[in-house]
Amino acid sequence: MSRQLIQNERKIAEKLIILNDRGIGMLTRIYNIKKACGDAKSKPGFLSDKNLESSIKNIVRRFPNVDVKSLTPIQNLRNEIIKSLSLYYYTFVDLLDFKDHVCELLTSMDAFQVDLDISTNFELTKHYLDLVTTYVSLMVLLSRVEDRKAVLGLFNAAYEIVHGSPDQSFPRLGSMIMDYDVPFRKLCEEFVPHSRLLAQAINSLIPVYIPRNVSADKWRSEQKLTLVGNPALLLKPVISDRMSCEFLSMDTMEKWVVFGLLLIHNVLLQQDNFNKLFLNALESSWVIPLFRDEVVHIHQYIWSFLTPLKDTVKGYLKLRILTLMLYKRLVIIIVRDVNF
């Protein structure tokens, strides 16, 4: 019987920091693979080989269940294929390992009944939300990698020919690739057990994000942009229990809010404060950055994601009203920008 971990052995904060650093590294590697596979000059030569074209089509069509016996053109090139595609394949294996560690940590935080509030435990909440958005960004970026099925299937077929059995990681790897073809559908399922903690963390952003996300006109009317409007206030120090939160960028908080509330979108049907926060974030920008030049055109993405859910979510009318409100906000933003 294993003994229960005491408080100082859980090391939740340390694990969050390590996984966030590792997540950035995984984003870099998946991004590089995406760029390589998307460029005819840099993609693996086997993917463009005319002699392997029929085999690759067969692999992609049957992925992840591939019959090696039907892939005779690969027989003579098996060692070269393994050597050429091993870097790509084991990057995806590392992504699977990263995913396992993230899920394990999130489950542990739920089991330990951790409470998160950006105002009272800033570092822990920040690293938690960073890890969630990094994980989401990774899975969205993974779904954009061209030829991912061809690369993994081709490597595993060559591996099975050489060793007589498939690589031990391939069954789970194949399942991950299939599950995240539509990333948010699977991500929402994964975060059902974590919804309490994630909702708590996002809810703590309301007094921080909404007061800062206001128009320039409102700032002028409240004389926040002037040094001469009320000079007596300049001599008074700012007293705040959320000083660390003032240094958070708006882009970072918008990413937390939009991705986080999409993962637990059912709360949008239950609590108006989350609706206000969600719509407030959507008014601020057209895109959410994933990594470097990879972005999500968030309004179109949300619209396409929420609309199919109307048949499965009980609060159909509320969800429909929310999507209509989103559409109305988009029209207002477009008109405002055109007039400007």
Foldseek 3Di string as FASTA:
>chain_A
DDDDDDDVVLCLLVLLVVLLVVLVVLVVLLVVLQVQQVDPVRHDPVCVDPLCVVVLVQQVVPPPDHDLVVRVVCLVVLVVLLVRLVSVQVSLVVLVVSVVSLLVSLVVCVVVVDADACLPPVSSLLSNLSSLLSNLLSLVSLLSRPCSSSSNNSNQSSVCSVPVHGDPCSVVSRVSNVLSVVPLVNLLVSCPSNLVRLVRSLVNCLVPQVVVLDDVVVCVVVVVPDCPPDVVCVVPDDDDSNVVSVPDDNLSSLSSLQSSCSSVVVVLLPDVSSLVVNLSSVLPDQWRDSDDPDIHRRLVSVLVVQVVCLVPDPPNVSSVVSNVVSVVSVVVSVVVVVVD
